[in-house]
């Protein structure tokens, strides 16, 4: 999706005078008609991520358990105010407790994953692990266009497993909120599966996480920098002399806006 190539192919589909389809997901864009098919991605996905995602889906379907009904609007992936961090960072040591394989462990705690699946999830790179589980909730917006470039229909395709992904999100969110309550005024913020704080609370948090079956790491952190673009929100900091980055992928808003303009949804 770099550059303007997606715009070229949308205009090409419009001028070919053939019915065509636009399929947009968070990370992909597909344009096709009877004479053309193009598929754009924001970043490549490894074979391990696809393999592991298929194993997770297999185990969940094999269990026969109904997919949880979860309101995705309840989910908060972070509790974060950058200005507050800057204000409270001066002269204080900031600590981070990070949950290892958080979503994978939350799902494994249901007892529905095969031992081999969970082991595989925990050994692949973090990015692949998140993609594997995110595949449970992948969704696509499908726009069907006629030969005169008028929209015939528009619908959203959702996975029937999406409730499991949002279940994991809510489980980890609850852990973060419980730890926040423990910390009181020494709480700084949480970011998906890690809590940042000041003060002497390490042992209390460790006891809580171990009681829930979660593994963790503990570090001192310095030099925080927050960045936000159309593609990602990220927070960088240093621990043990090395820069670390926390990130949340975002839908490509620029491309989505272009599609809406192309469809005349917005001027």
Protein backbone atom coordinates (compact mmCIF):
# COMPACT_ATOMS: atom_id res chain seq x y z
CA UNK A 1 0.00 0.00 0.00
CA UNK A 2 2.96 2.31 -0.35
CA UNK A 3 2.67 5.23 -2.72
CA UNK A 4 -0.44 5.69 -4.84
CA UNK A 5 -0.68 2.33 -6.62
CA UNK A 6 -4.01 1.45 -4.96
CA UNK A 7 -5.48 4.72 -6.30
CA UNK A 8 -4.36 3.85 -9.82
CA UNK A 9 -6.09 0.47 -9.73
CA UNK A 10 -9.29 1.89 -8.26
CA UNK A 11 -9.44 4.40 -11.09
CA UNK A 12 -8.64 1.63 -13.56
CA UNK A 13 -11.52 -0.49 -12.24
CA UNK A 14 -13.80 2.53 -12.56
CA UNK A 15 -12.88 3.15 -16.21
CA UNK A 16 -13.04 -0.50 -17.38
CA UNK A 17 -16.86 -0.44 -17.40
CA UNK A 18 -17.09 -3.82 -15.70
CA UNK A 19 -18.73 -4.71 -12.38
CA UNK A 20 -16.06 -4.85 -9.69
CA UNK A 21 -15.57 -5.52 -6.00
CA UNK A 22 -13.55 -3.65 -3.36
CA UNK A 23 -12.63 -5.67 -0.26
CA UNK A 24 -10.94 -3.77 2.57
CA UNK A 25 -9.63 -5.14 5.86
CA UNK A 26 -7.47 -3.54 8.55
CA UNK A 27 -4.27 -4.43 6.71
CA UNK A 28 -5.26 -5.36 3.15
CA UNK A 29 -7.06 -4.00 0.10
CA UNK A 30 -8.39 -6.13 -2.74
CA UNK A 31 -9.80 -4.89 -6.08
CA UNK A 32 -11.16 -7.35 -8.60
CA UNK A 33 -13.38 -7.75 -11.65
CA UNK A 34 -13.65 -10.31 -14.43
CA UNK A 35 -10.45 -9.02 -16.07
CA UNK A 36 -8.31 -7.90 -13.12
CA UNK A 37 -7.34 -8.89 -9.57
CA UNK A 38 -4.95 -6.92 -7.37
CA UNK A 39 -4.21 -7.44 -3.69
CA UNK A 40 -2.35 -4.97 -1.47
CA UNK A 41 -0.91 -5.52 2.00
CA UNK A 42 0.60 -3.13 4.53
CA UNK A 43 3.16 -5.69 5.76
CA UNK A 44 4.03 -9.31 5.15
CA UNK A 45 2.77 -12.06 7.45
CA UNK A 46 4.95 -15.07 8.18
CA UNK A 47 3.98 -18.66 7.46
CA UNK A 48 4.31 -19.43 11.17
CA UNK A 49 1.59 -16.89 11.96
CA UNK A 50 -0.81 -18.49 9.46
CA UNK A 51 0.04 -22.01 10.66
CA UNK A 52 -0.42 -21.12 14.31
CA UNK A 53 -3.64 -19.22 13.60
CA UNK A 54 -5.06 -22.30 11.88
CA UNK A 55 -4.11 -24.47 14.88
CA UNK A 56 -5.87 -22.11 17.28
CA UNK A 57 -9.05 -22.08 15.18
CA UNK A 58 -8.94 -25.87 14.91
CA UNK A 59 -8.75 -26.30 18.69
CA UNK A 60 -11.56 -23.85 19.38
CA UNK A 61 -13.89 -25.41 16.84
CA UNK A 62 -13.00 -28.92 18.01
CA UNK A 63 -13.88 -28.00 21.61
CA UNK A 64 -17.50 -27.39 20.65
CA UNK A 65 -17.68 -24.46 23.05
CA UNK A 66 -19.83 -21.55 21.86
CA UNK A 67 -18.00 -18.36 21.00
CA UNK A 68 -18.31 -15.80 23.84
CA UNK A 69 -20.55 -12.83 23.18
CA UNK A 70 -18.30 -9.84 23.85
CA UNK A 71 -19.00 -6.17 23.23
CA UNK A 72 -15.83 -4.93 21.53
CA UNK A 73 -16.71 -1.37 22.56
CA UNK A 74 -15.87 -2.35 26.16
CA UNK A 75 -12.24 -3.02 25.29
CA UNK A 76 -9.50 -0.54 26.23
CA UNK A 77 -6.08 -1.52 24.93
CA UNK A 78 -4.29 1.11 26.97
CA UNK A 79 -4.83 3.65 29.72
CA UNK A 80 -2.37 6.28 28.70
CA UNK A 81 -1.74 10.01 29.06
CA UNK A 82 1.67 11.03 27.75
CA UNK A 83 1.68 14.42 29.43
CA UNK A 84 1.08 12.72 32.78
CA UNK A 85 4.09 10.46 32.24
CA UNK A 86 6.31 13.45 31.52
CA UNK A 87 5.04 15.26 34.59
CA UNK A 88 5.54 12.33 36.95
CA UNK A 89 8.74 10.99 35.41
CA UNK A 90 11.04 13.68 36.80
CA UNK A 91 13.41 12.20 39.39
CA UNK A 92 11.46 8.97 39.84
CA UNK A 93 12.24 5.39 38.85
CA UNK A 94 9.61 3.91 36.56
CA UNK A 95 9.07 0.15 36.62
CA UNK A 96 7.32 -2.12 34.15
CA UNK A 97 5.80 -5.53 34.70
CA UNK A 98 5.05 -7.11 31.35
CA UNK A 99 2.90 -10.23 30.95
CA UNK A 100 4.47 -12.84 28.69
CA UNK A 101 2.26 -14.31 25.93
CA UNK A 102 -0.68 -12.55 27.56
CA UNK A 103 -3.48 -13.23 25.06
CA UNK A 104 -2.23 -16.75 24.39
CA UNK A 105 -2.23 -17.50 28.13
CA UNK A 106 -5.69 -16.00 28.58
CA UNK A 107 -6.99 -18.28 25.84
CA UNK A 108 -5.07 -21.27 27.18
CA UNK A 109 -6.57 -20.72 30.64
CA UNK A 110 -9.95 -21.67 29.16
CA UNK A 111 -8.59 -25.22 28.74
CA UNK A 112 -9.59 -25.28 25.06
CA UNK A 113 -6.15 -25.12 23.43
CA UNK A 114 -4.11 -28.24 22.74
CA UNK A 115 -0.78 -28.32 24.58
CA UNK A 116 1.14 -28.28 21.29
CA UNK A 117 -0.80 -25.24 20.07
CA UNK A 118 -0.04 -23.23 23.20
CA UNK A 119 3.61 -24.23 23.09
CA UNK A 120 3.85 -23.13 19.46
CA UNK A 121 2.14 -19.82 20.26
CA UNK A 122 4.65 -19.10 23.01
CA UNK A 123 7.71 -19.86 20.87
CA UNK A 124 6.96 -17.84 17.72
CA UNK A 125 7.88 -14.11 17.62
CA UNK A 126 5.53 -11.75 19.45
CA UNK A 127 4.37 -10.06 16.24
CA UNK A 128 3.45 -13.43 14.70
CA UNK A 129 1.71 -14.49 17.90
CA UNK A 130 -0.49 -11.38 17.87
CA UNK A 131 -1.30 -11.88 14.18
CA UNK A 132 -2.21 -15.53 14.84
CA UNK A 133 -4.72 -14.58 17.51
CA UNK A 134 -5.87 -11.47 15.66
CA UNK A 135 -6.94 -13.72 12.79
CA UNK A 136 -9.77 -14.89 15.06
CA UNK A 137 -11.33 -11.43 14.70
CA UNK A 138 -10.36 -10.41 11.18
CA UNK A 139 -13.10 -8.57 9.30
CA UNK A 140 -13.62 -7.26 5.78
CA UNK A 141 -15.74 -4.49 4.29
CA UNK A 142 -17.04 -5.56 0.89
CA UNK A 143 -18.29 -3.04 -1.68
CA UNK A 144 -19.98 -4.45 -4.80
CA UNK A 145 -19.96 -1.98 -7.71
CA UNK A 146 -21.78 -2.09 -11.05
CA UNK A 147 -20.32 -1.30 -14.50
CA UNK A 148 -21.28 2.37 -14.13
CA UNK A 149 -19.37 2.73 -10.86
CA UNK A 150 -22.49 2.74 -8.70
CA UNK A 151 -22.57 0.81 -5.45
CA UNK A 152 -24.86 -2.21 -5.54
CA UNK A 153 -24.25 -3.42 -2.01
CA UNK A 154 -22.01 -3.01 1.02
CA UNK A 155 -21.58 -5.49 3.84
CA UNK A 156 -19.10 -6.49 6.55
CA UNK A 157 -17.76 -10.04 6.79
CA UNK A 158 -16.85 -11.10 10.33
CA UNK A 159 -15.23 -14.29 11.60
CA UNK A 160 -17.44 -16.48 13.76
CA UNK A 161 -14.46 -16.79 16.12
CA UNK A 162 -14.04 -13.07 16.80
CA UNK A 163 -15.60 -13.38 20.26
CA UNK A 164 -12.63 -15.47 21.41
CA UNK A 165 -10.16 -12.73 20.53
CA UNK A 166 -12.20 -10.07 22.30
CA UNK A 167 -12.58 -12.43 25.27
CA UNK A 168 -8.76 -12.49 25.58
CA UNK A 169 -8.64 -8.70 25.30
CA UNK A 170 -11.14 -8.30 28.13
CA UNK A 171 -9.33 -10.83 30.33
CA UNK A 172 -6.06 -8.93 30.03
CA UNK A 173 -7.84 -5.61 30.45
CA UNK A 174 -9.26 -6.88 33.73
CA UNK A 175 -5.77 -7.91 34.89
CA UNK A 176 -4.47 -4.43 34.08
CA UNK A 177 -7.31 -2.76 35.95
CA UNK A 178 -6.84 -5.02 39.00
CA UNK A 179 -3.14 -4.10 39.11
CA UNK A 180 -4.01 -0.42 38.66
CA UNK A 181 -6.26 -0.65 41.71
CA UNK A 182 -3.41 -2.25 43.71
CA UNK A 183 -1.00 0.53 42.80
CA UNK A 184 -3.21 3.47 43.66
CA UNK A 185 -1.41 6.81 43.08
CA UNK A 186 1.80 5.00 42.01
CA UNK A 187 0.09 3.73 38.86
CA UNK A 188 1.25 5.50 35.67
CA UNK A 189 -0.39 3.66 32.77
CA UNK A 190 -0.92 0.29 31.15
CA UNK A 191 -0.33 -0.61 27.52
CA UNK A 192 -2.09 -3.80 26.36
CA UNK A 193 -0.29 -6.33 28.61
CA UNK A 194 2.20 -4.24 30.58
CA UNK A 195 1.83 -1.95 33.58
CA UNK A 196 4.13 1.00 34.29
CA UNK A 197 4.37 2.33 37.83
CA UNK A 198 6.53 3.80 40.57
CA UNK A 199 7.04 2.67 44.14
CA UNK A 200 7.68 -0.69 45.80
CA UNK A 201 4.90 -2.91 44.47
CA UNK A 202 6.80 -5.62 42.59
CA UNK A 203 6.14 -8.54 44.93
CA UNK A 204 2.46 -7.75 45.31
CA UNK A 205 1.93 -7.71 41.54
CA UNK A 206 3.97 -10.88 41.06
CA UNK A 207 1.87 -12.77 43.60
CA UNK A 208 -1.29 -11.69 41.83
CA UNK A 209 -0.07 -12.67 38.34
CA UNK A 210 1.22 -16.05 39.50
CA UNK A 211 -2.12 -16.78 41.16
CA UNK A 212 -3.71 -16.27 37.71
CA UNK A 213 -1.17 -18.45 35.90
CA UNK A 214 0.68 -15.69 34.02
CA UNK A 215 4.42 -15.35 33.45
CA UNK A 216 6.03 -11.91 33.45
CA UNK A 217 9.18 -9.80 33.24
CA UNK A 218 10.17 -6.86 35.45
CA UNK A 219 12.32 -3.91 34.35
CA UNK A 220 13.30 -0.32 35.11
CA UNK A 221 12.47 2.11 32.27
CA UNK A 222 13.63 5.56 31.14
CA UNK A 223 13.33 8.08 28.28
CA UNK A 224 9.77 7.67 27.01
CA UNK A 225 8.77 8.86 23.51
CA UNK A 226 5.25 8.61 22.05
CA UNK A 227 4.54 8.59 18.29
CA UNK A 228 1.29 8.44 16.36
CA UNK A 229 0.78 8.07 12.58
CA UNK A 230 -1.98 6.87 10.24
CA UNK A 231 -0.55 3.36 10.51
CA UNK A 232 0.46 2.91 14.14
CA UNK A 233 0.52 4.23 17.67
CA UNK A 234 3.82 3.53 19.41
CA UNK A 235 5.59 4.22 22.68
CA UNK A 236 9.38 3.88 22.86
CA UNK A 237 11.51 3.75 26.00
CA UNK A 238 14.78 2.32 27.25
CA UNK A 239 15.35 -0.59 29.60
CA UNK A 240 18.71 -2.18 30.36
CA UNK A 241 20.25 0.28 27.90
CA UNK A 242 18.16 -0.96 24.97
CA UNK A 243 15.31 0.80 23.24
CA UNK A 244 11.96 -0.98 23.36
CA UNK A 245 8.82 -0.09 21.44
CA UNK A 246 5.20 -0.82 22.27
CA UNK A 247 2.86 -0.47 19.33
CA UNK A 248 -0.75 -0.73 18.29
CA UNK A 249 -1.45 -1.12 14.56
CA UNK A 250 -4.11 1.15 13.12
CA UNK A 251 -6.29 0.91 10.11
CA UNK A 252 -4.86 2.92 7.21
CA UNK A 253 -7.21 5.88 7.57
CA UNK A 254 -5.86 7.66 4.49
CA UNK A 255 -6.68 4.70 2.26
CA UNK A 256 -10.07 4.18 3.90
CA UNK A 257 -10.91 7.86 3.37
CA UNK A 258 -9.87 7.61 -0.29
CA UNK A 259 -12.18 4.63 -0.77
CA UNK A 260 -15.09 6.49 0.84
CA UNK A 261 -14.48 9.44 -1.49
CA UNK A 262 -14.21 7.07 -4.46
CA UNK A 263 -17.61 5.64 -3.47
CA UNK A 264 -18.96 9.17 -2.98
CA UNK A 265 -19.72 8.49 0.70
CA UNK A 266 -17.91 11.72 1.56
CA UNK A 267 -17.12 14.77 -0.63
